[in-house]
Amino acid sequence: FCFNPRDALSFSRIVSVPSRKIGNVTVDAVNAFARESEADILAILSAPSHVPGVPKTAVGPLLGFRAQVESVRSTMGVLRPSELIDHVIEVMGLRPHYLDGTPQGEARMENLNELRGLAESFDDRDPAQGLEDFLAEVALVSDVDAYDENGEGATLITLHMVKGLEFAVVFMVGMEEGLLPHQRALDEREENPSLVGAQTEMAEERRLAYVGMTRAKDRLYLSCAFRRHLYGRSQPAFPSRFLTDIPQSMLGTPRGSAPVAPPRQGYKERYIERQVEAAPAPPPVQRFASGDRVTHPAFGSGTVVKSTLTRTDEELVIKFDKVGLKILSGMLAPLTK
């Protein structure tokens, strides 16, 4: 509404949160007058007593609401996105409104805190550009408002938007260092491990992981990649430290009676040691080509669909006769032609 004072829907949603003794009759009268006069609602609220159908008792609350909105609008493009959210919460009186001692109010306040956390990732930009980018990001994930829990199909949703929802089956992908916890939290912890901010950042990442895990009612699947393409190149991925906090007794067996493999402990350290100790590796050689027949000790026979050279490896897409498509490392996979 601050960006678009003609948005009647947004006006109707926020004008009574918190309660300002502005009823539905008043809201309908303002919206009807705005449509007829083709004026923006904020301009109309400068003289609400002139709006037909608005009770005298609502004039003062409407003027107060307009003053609050103008206070927010005056700081847009000046304050950073997270600071602007703090200003909105303070000016609109949202904190005392939601912290009413009920679990629902506490959950709504947590949602505002999550929104502020998302806004912080845009604070390093020019305030006006950061606010525009932040609102664009929020618009991309706002489809959760139209979520139909009875609809068919998979729901793709972020951890910041999933609070309050539940699903029979949940897949959390990207449980890797640098993704969850985010690289920002890792950098702060490494540079200033004793600072309260670094500890708070990591605690927030842990809380996000907990929120995601507790959305599952029946089954929860947690996955991490062995190798991931980031910033145009392939690099090793390391399991999230949060995976090691899960007791083994709580994990189910994936197939038959095979035990659940714990995260690869020490893999990152061993990888770094090998990088330091080993001589510079020669560029990878393309050993396989599309159409080659290969054999893998576990997957059996198959056909190479695609071979791609990266700076450090040969990545293969192979269609195995019995287990279907697999993506393997040409340098690590025990393949024979």
Protein backbone atom coordinates (compact mmCIF):
# COMPACT_ATOMS: atom_id res chain seq x y z
CA PHE A 1 0.00 0.00 0.00
CA CYS A 2 2.91 2.37 0.67
CA PHE A 3 4.11 1.79 -2.89
CA ASN A 4 0.65 1.82 -4.45
CA PRO A 5 -1.91 3.97 -2.55
CA ARG A 6 -4.57 2.87 -5.06
CA ASP A 7 -4.35 -0.75 -3.90
CA ALA A 8 -7.74 -1.17 -2.23
CA LEU A 9 -7.08 -4.80 -1.29
CA SER A 10 -3.89 -3.98 0.59
CA PHE A 11 -5.62 -1.05 2.32
CA SER A 12 -8.44 -3.33 3.46
CA ARG A 13 -5.98 -5.87 4.84
CA ILE A 14 -3.78 -3.52 6.89
CA VAL A 15 -6.04 -0.70 8.05
CA SER A 16 -7.37 -2.70 11.01
CA VAL A 17 -4.11 -4.40 12.03
CA PRO A 18 -3.73 -3.51 14.85
CA SER A 19 -7.33 -2.62 15.62
CA ARG A 20 -8.00 1.09 15.10
CA LYS A 21 -11.78 1.06 15.52
CA ILE A 22 -12.18 1.25 11.76
CA GLY A 23 -15.00 -1.09 10.75
CA ASN A 24 -15.93 -2.75 7.47
CA VAL A 25 -18.54 -0.08 6.75
CA THR A 26 -15.83 2.60 6.84
CA VAL A 27 -13.42 0.57 4.70
CA ASP A 28 -16.11 -0.11 2.08
CA ALA A 29 -17.07 3.59 2.01
CA VAL A 30 -13.45 4.70 1.45
CA ASN A 31 -12.88 2.11 -1.29
CA ALA A 32 -16.14 3.02 -3.05
CA PHE A 33 -15.29 6.74 -2.97
CA ALA A 34 -11.80 6.00 -4.33
CA ARG A 35 -13.26 4.07 -7.27
CA GLU A 36 -15.82 6.75 -8.09
CA SER A 37 -13.40 9.68 -7.83
CA GLU A 38 -10.47 7.74 -9.37
CA ALA A 39 -8.24 9.09 -6.61
CA ASP A 40 -5.67 7.25 -4.54
CA ILE A 41 -6.79 6.19 -1.07
CA LEU A 42 -3.99 8.00 0.76
CA ALA A 43 -5.11 11.34 -0.74
CA ILE A 44 -8.70 10.62 0.27
CA LEU A 45 -7.61 9.93 3.85
CA SER A 46 -6.27 13.49 4.16
CA ALA A 47 -9.92 14.56 4.57
CA PRO A 48 -11.92 11.46 5.55
CA SER A 49 -14.82 13.57 6.84
CA HIS A 50 -15.65 14.38 3.20
CA VAL A 51 -16.14 10.73 2.31
CA PRO A 52 -19.84 9.75 2.21
CA GLY A 53 -20.66 6.97 4.64
CA VAL A 54 -17.66 7.41 6.93
CA PRO A 55 -18.81 7.76 10.57
CA LYS A 56 -17.49 10.68 12.60
CA THR A 57 -15.93 8.25 15.06
CA ALA A 58 -13.74 6.85 12.29
CA VAL A 59 -12.30 10.18 11.12
CA GLY A 60 -9.65 10.38 13.84
CA PRO A 61 -8.44 6.75 13.42
CA LEU A 62 -8.24 7.21 9.63
CA LEU A 63 -6.12 10.36 10.02
CA GLY A 64 -3.87 8.50 12.46
CA PHE A 65 -3.49 5.61 10.03
CA ARG A 66 -2.58 8.02 7.23
CA ALA A 67 0.10 9.64 9.43
CA GLN A 68 1.60 6.21 10.12
CA VAL A 69 1.71 5.33 6.42
CA GLU A 70 3.27 8.69 5.54
CA SER A 71 5.94 8.10 8.19
CA VAL A 72 6.83 4.82 6.52
CA ARG A 73 6.77 6.33 3.02
CA SER A 74 9.16 9.10 4.08
CA THR A 75 11.85 6.53 4.96
CA MET A 76 11.51 4.36 1.84
CA GLY A 77 14.75 4.52 -0.15
CA VAL A 78 16.53 6.05 2.86
CA LEU A 79 16.57 3.21 5.37
CA ARG A 80 18.00 -0.18 4.50
CA PRO A 81 15.37 -2.92 4.00
CA SER A 82 15.84 -4.48 7.45
CA GLU A 83 15.78 -1.04 9.10
CA LEU A 84 12.62 -0.18 7.20
CA ILE A 85 10.91 -3.32 8.54
CA ASP A 86 11.97 -2.31 12.07
CA HIS A 87 10.44 1.12 11.42
CA VAL A 88 7.18 -0.40 10.15
CA ILE A 89 6.91 -2.66 13.21
CA GLU A 90 7.49 0.29 15.55
CA VAL A 91 5.30 2.87 13.80
CA MET A 92 2.40 0.49 13.25
CA GLY A 93 2.59 -0.95 16.76
CA LEU A 94 2.84 -4.52 15.53
CA ARG A 95 5.04 -5.87 18.33
CA PRO A 96 2.63 -5.22 21.25
CA HIS A 97 -0.24 -6.26 18.99
CA TYR A 98 1.19 -9.71 18.23
CA LEU A 99 2.90 -10.38 21.56
CA ASP A 100 -0.42 -10.90 23.30
CA GLY A 101 0.59 -14.04 25.18
CA THR A 102 -0.93 -16.47 22.66
CA PRO A 103 0.99 -19.05 20.58
CA GLN A 104 -0.60 -17.61 17.43
CA GLY A 105 0.69 -14.13 18.21
CA GLU A 106 4.16 -15.44 18.96
CA ALA A 107 4.18 -17.36 15.65
CA ARG A 108 3.20 -14.21 13.75
CA MET A 109 5.99 -12.27 15.43
CA GLU A 110 8.41 -15.02 14.44
CA ASN A 111 7.21 -14.64 10.86
CA LEU A 112 8.05 -10.93 11.01
CA ASN A 113 11.49 -11.77 12.36
CA GLU A 114 12.02 -14.20 9.48
CA LEU A 115 10.97 -11.50 7.04
CA ARG A 116 13.49 -9.14 8.61
CA GLY A 117 16.16 -11.84 8.31
CA LEU A 118 15.42 -12.12 4.61
CA ALA A 119 15.59 -8.34 4.24
CA GLU A 120 19.06 -8.25 5.79
CA SER A 121 20.47 -10.04 2.75
CA PHE A 122 19.63 -6.92 0.71
CA ASP A 123 21.15 -4.40 3.15
CA ASP A 124 24.49 -4.29 1.34
CA ARG A 125 22.92 -2.49 -1.65
CA ASP A 126 21.79 1.05 -2.21
CA PRO A 127 18.69 1.47 0.03
CA ALA A 128 16.33 2.20 -2.86
CA GLN A 129 17.68 -0.64 -5.02
CA GLY A 130 17.83 -2.99 -2.06
CA LEU A 131 14.19 -2.32 -1.22
CA GLU A 132 13.13 -2.89 -4.83
CA ASP A 133 15.05 -6.17 -5.02
CA PHE A 134 13.70 -7.29 -1.64
CA LEU A 135 10.10 -6.64 -2.66
CA ALA A 136 10.67 -8.49 -5.93
CA GLU A 137 12.01 -11.47 -3.96
CA VAL A 138 9.01 -11.39 -1.62
CA ALA A 139 6.65 -11.24 -4.59
CA LEU A 140 8.22 -14.40 -6.03
CA VAL A 141 7.50 -16.41 -2.89
CA SER A 142 4.13 -14.88 -2.00
CA ASP A 143 2.27 -17.66 -3.84
CA VAL A 144 2.12 -19.42 -0.47
CA ASP A 145 -0.91 -17.22 0.22
CA ALA A 146 -2.77 -19.18 -2.46
CA TYR A 147 -1.50 -22.57 -1.29
CA ASP A 148 -4.17 -25.27 -1.50
CA GLU A 149 -3.44 -28.04 0.99
CA ASN A 150 -5.92 -30.31 -0.78
CA GLY A 151 -4.38 -29.78 -4.21
CA GLU A 152 -2.43 -32.49 -5.97
CA GLY A 153 1.26 -32.26 -6.81
CA ALA A 154 4.47 -31.22 -5.10
CA THR A 155 4.84 -27.87 -3.34
CA LEU A 156 8.13 -26.03 -3.87
CA ILE A 157 8.61 -23.57 -1.01
CA THR A 158 11.38 -21.83 0.92
CA LEU A 159 12.15 -22.32 4.60
CA HIS A 160 11.19 -18.70 5.28
CA MET A 161 7.68 -19.30 3.93
CA VAL A 162 6.92 -22.77 5.26
CA LYS A 163 6.25 -21.96 8.92
CA GLY A 164 2.73 -22.93 9.96
CA LEU A 165 2.31 -25.47 7.15
CA GLU A 166 2.52 -29.26 7.42
CA PHE A 167 2.99 -31.99 4.81
CA ALA A 168 2.81 -35.75 4.94
CA VAL A 169 6.19 -36.03 3.20
CA VAL A 170 8.95 -33.40 3.15
CA PHE A 171 12.14 -33.38 1.07
CA MET A 172 14.83 -30.97 2.27
CA VAL A 173 17.49 -30.71 -0.41
CA GLY A 174 20.82 -28.92 -0.26
CA MET A 175 21.66 -29.86 3.34
CA GLU A 176 25.22 -28.67 2.79
CA GLU A 177 27.71 -26.31 4.34
CA GLY A 178 27.31 -22.97 2.59
CA LEU A 179 23.62 -23.52 1.87
CA LEU A 180 22.25 -24.55 5.27
CA PRO A 181 23.94 -23.09 7.23
CA HIS A 182 24.34 -20.23 4.77
CA GLN A 183 27.83 -19.15 3.78
CA ARG A 184 27.26 -15.80 5.47
CA ALA A 185 26.85 -17.51 8.85
CA LEU A 186 29.98 -19.61 8.27
CA ASP A 187 32.06 -16.56 7.33
CA GLU A 188 30.96 -14.61 10.38
CA ARG A 189 31.66 -17.56 12.66
CA GLU A 190 35.12 -18.07 11.15
CA GLU A 191 36.12 -14.41 11.27
CA ASN A 192 34.65 -13.54 14.68
CA PRO A 193 33.70 -16.77 16.49
CA SER A 194 33.27 -15.02 19.86
CA LEU A 195 30.96 -12.25 18.66
CA VAL A 196 27.30 -12.43 19.64
CA GLY A 197 26.28 -11.62 16.06
CA ALA A 198 28.10 -14.65 14.67
CA GLN A 199 26.50 -16.93 17.25
CA THR A 200 23.07 -15.45 16.57
CA GLU A 201 23.50 -15.93 12.83
CA MET A 202 24.31 -19.62 13.25
CA ALA A 203 21.45 -20.08 15.73
CA GLU A 204 19.06 -18.59 13.17
CA GLU A 205 20.28 -21.03 10.52
CA ARG A 206 19.79 -23.91 12.96
CA ARG A 207 16.28 -22.69 13.72
CA LEU A 208 15.45 -22.58 10.01
CA ALA A 209 16.63 -26.17 9.67
CA TYR A 210 14.44 -27.16 12.61
CA VAL A 211 11.42 -25.39 11.11
CA GLY A 212 11.87 -27.31 7.86
CA MET A 213 12.30 -30.68 9.56
CA THR A 214 9.23 -30.28 11.75
CA ARG A 215 6.96 -29.63 8.76
CA ALA A 216 6.91 -33.39 8.03
CA LYS A 217 4.07 -35.41 9.53
CA ASP A 218 5.03 -38.89 8.27
CA ARG A 219 8.32 -38.92 6.37
CA LEU A 220 11.30 -36.57 6.14
CA TYR A 221 14.03 -36.94 3.53
CA LEU A 222 17.29 -34.99 3.94
CA SER A 223 19.72 -34.91 1.03
CA CYS A 224 23.06 -33.36 0.18
CA ALA A 225 25.08 -33.40 -3.02
CA PHE A 226 28.53 -34.93 -3.39
CA ARG A 227 29.41 -32.24 -5.93
CA ARG A 228 27.57 -29.05 -6.86
CA HIS A 229 27.83 -26.49 -9.67
CA LEU A 230 28.15 -23.02 -8.18
CA TYR A 231 29.25 -19.80 -9.85
CA GLY A 232 29.94 -21.54 -13.12
CA ARG A 233 32.16 -24.32 -11.86
CA SER A 234 31.92 -27.70 -10.22
CA GLN A 235 33.12 -27.99 -6.64
CA PRO A 236 32.85 -30.54 -3.82
CA ALA A 237 29.94 -30.18 -1.41
CA PHE A 238 30.10 -31.03 2.29
CA PRO A 239 27.21 -32.30 4.43
CA SER A 240 25.59 -29.77 6.73
CA ARG A 241 26.77 -29.79 10.34
CA PHE A 242 23.10 -29.95 11.32
CA LEU A 243 22.90 -33.52 10.01
CA THR A 244 25.34 -34.69 12.64
CA ASP A 245 23.02 -33.38 15.37
CA ILE A 246 20.34 -35.92 14.48
CA PRO A 247 20.56 -39.06 16.66
CA GLN A 248 21.15 -42.19 14.58
CA SER A 249 18.27 -43.85 16.42
CA MET A 250 15.86 -41.44 14.77
CA LEU A 251 16.94 -42.29 11.22
CA GLY A 252 15.17 -44.97 9.20
CA THR A 253 16.86 -47.58 7.07
CA PRO A 254 16.62 -46.65 3.36
CA ARG A 255 16.62 -50.16 1.91
CA GLY A 256 16.33 -53.53 3.57
CA SER A 257 18.41 -53.79 6.72
CA ALA A 258 21.34 -51.68 5.52
CA PRO A 259 22.38 -49.15 8.18
CA VAL A 260 21.99 -45.45 7.52
CA ALA A 261 25.33 -43.96 6.54
CA PRO A 262 26.26 -40.98 8.72
CA PRO A 263 27.46 -37.75 7.06
CA ARG A 264 30.98 -37.97 5.67
CA GLN A 265 32.97 -36.93 8.72
CA GLY A 266 36.37 -35.48 7.97
CA TYR A 267 35.79 -35.46 4.23
CA LYS A 268 36.34 -31.72 3.93
CA GLU A 269 39.55 -31.89 5.98
CA ARG A 270 40.90 -34.81 3.93
CA TYR A 271 40.03 -32.99 0.69
CA ILE A 272 41.90 -29.85 1.81
CA GLU A 273 44.91 -31.91 2.93
CA ARG A 274 45.12 -33.65 -0.43
CA GLN A 275 44.86 -30.31 -2.23
CA VAL A 276 47.79 -28.96 -0.19
CA GLU A 277 50.01 -32.03 -0.26
CA ALA A 278 49.47 -33.24 -3.80
CA ALA A 279 51.30 -31.86 -6.81
CA PRO A 280 49.22 -29.76 -9.22
CA ALA A 281 46.92 -32.14 -11.05
CA PRO A 282 46.99 -32.21 -14.85
CA PRO A 283 43.82 -31.17 -16.65
CA PRO A 284 41.26 -33.99 -16.85
CA VAL A 285 41.25 -36.18 -19.92
CA GLN A 286 38.01 -37.09 -21.67
CA ARG A 287 38.05 -40.88 -21.45
CA PHE A 288 34.48 -41.49 -22.49
CA ALA A 289 32.25 -40.39 -25.35
CA SER A 290 28.53 -40.50 -26.04
CA GLY A 291 27.48 -43.98 -27.04
CA ASP A 292 30.27 -45.80 -25.17
CA ARG A 293 29.18 -48.99 -23.40
CA VAL A 294 30.50 -49.12 -19.83
CA THR A 295 30.21 -51.38 -16.79
CA HIS A 296 29.91 -50.36 -13.14
CA PRO A 297 30.32 -52.91 -10.32
CA ALA A 298 27.12 -51.78 -8.58
CA PHE A 299 24.95 -50.43 -11.40
CA GLY A 300 25.83 -52.96 -14.09
CA SER A 301 26.07 -52.20 -17.80
CA GLY A 302 24.99 -48.96 -19.41
CA THR A 303 25.48 -46.42 -22.19
CA VAL A 304 27.16 -43.04 -21.88
CA VAL A 305 24.59 -40.37 -22.78
CA LYS A 306 26.84 -37.35 -22.25
CA SER A 307 30.41 -36.59 -21.22
CA THR A 308 31.34 -33.09 -20.03
CA LEU A 309 34.81 -31.87 -19.12
CA THR A 310 35.04 -29.43 -16.22
CA ARG A 311 38.18 -27.77 -14.89
CA THR A 312 38.75 -30.63 -12.46
CA ASP A 313 36.78 -33.65 -13.65
CA GLU A 314 34.91 -35.49 -16.36
CA GLU A 315 31.23 -35.65 -15.51
CA LEU A 316 29.23 -38.45 -17.08
CA VAL A 317 25.53 -39.00 -17.63
CA ILE A 318 25.02 -42.75 -18.04
CA LYS A 319 21.83 -44.68 -18.72
CA PHE A 320 22.23 -48.06 -17.04
CA ASP A 321 20.20 -50.97 -18.31
CA LYS A 322 18.70 -51.82 -14.93
CA VAL A 323 18.84 -48.71 -12.72
CA GLY A 324 18.31 -45.92 -15.24
CA LEU A 325 20.13 -42.57 -15.44
CA LYS A 326 23.04 -41.77 -13.15
CA ILE A 327 25.45 -38.81 -13.02
CA LEU A 328 28.96 -39.96 -12.11
CA SER A 329 32.46 -38.58 -11.78
CA GLY A 330 34.69 -39.92 -14.53
CA MET A 331 37.72 -39.62 -12.26
CA LEU A 332 36.19 -41.41 -9.28
CA ALA A 333 33.64 -43.88 -10.61
CA PRO A 334 35.01 -47.43 -11.15
CA LEU A 335 33.94 -47.70 -14.79
CA THR A 336 35.28 -50.04 -17.43
CA LYS A 337 34.57 -49.98 -21.14
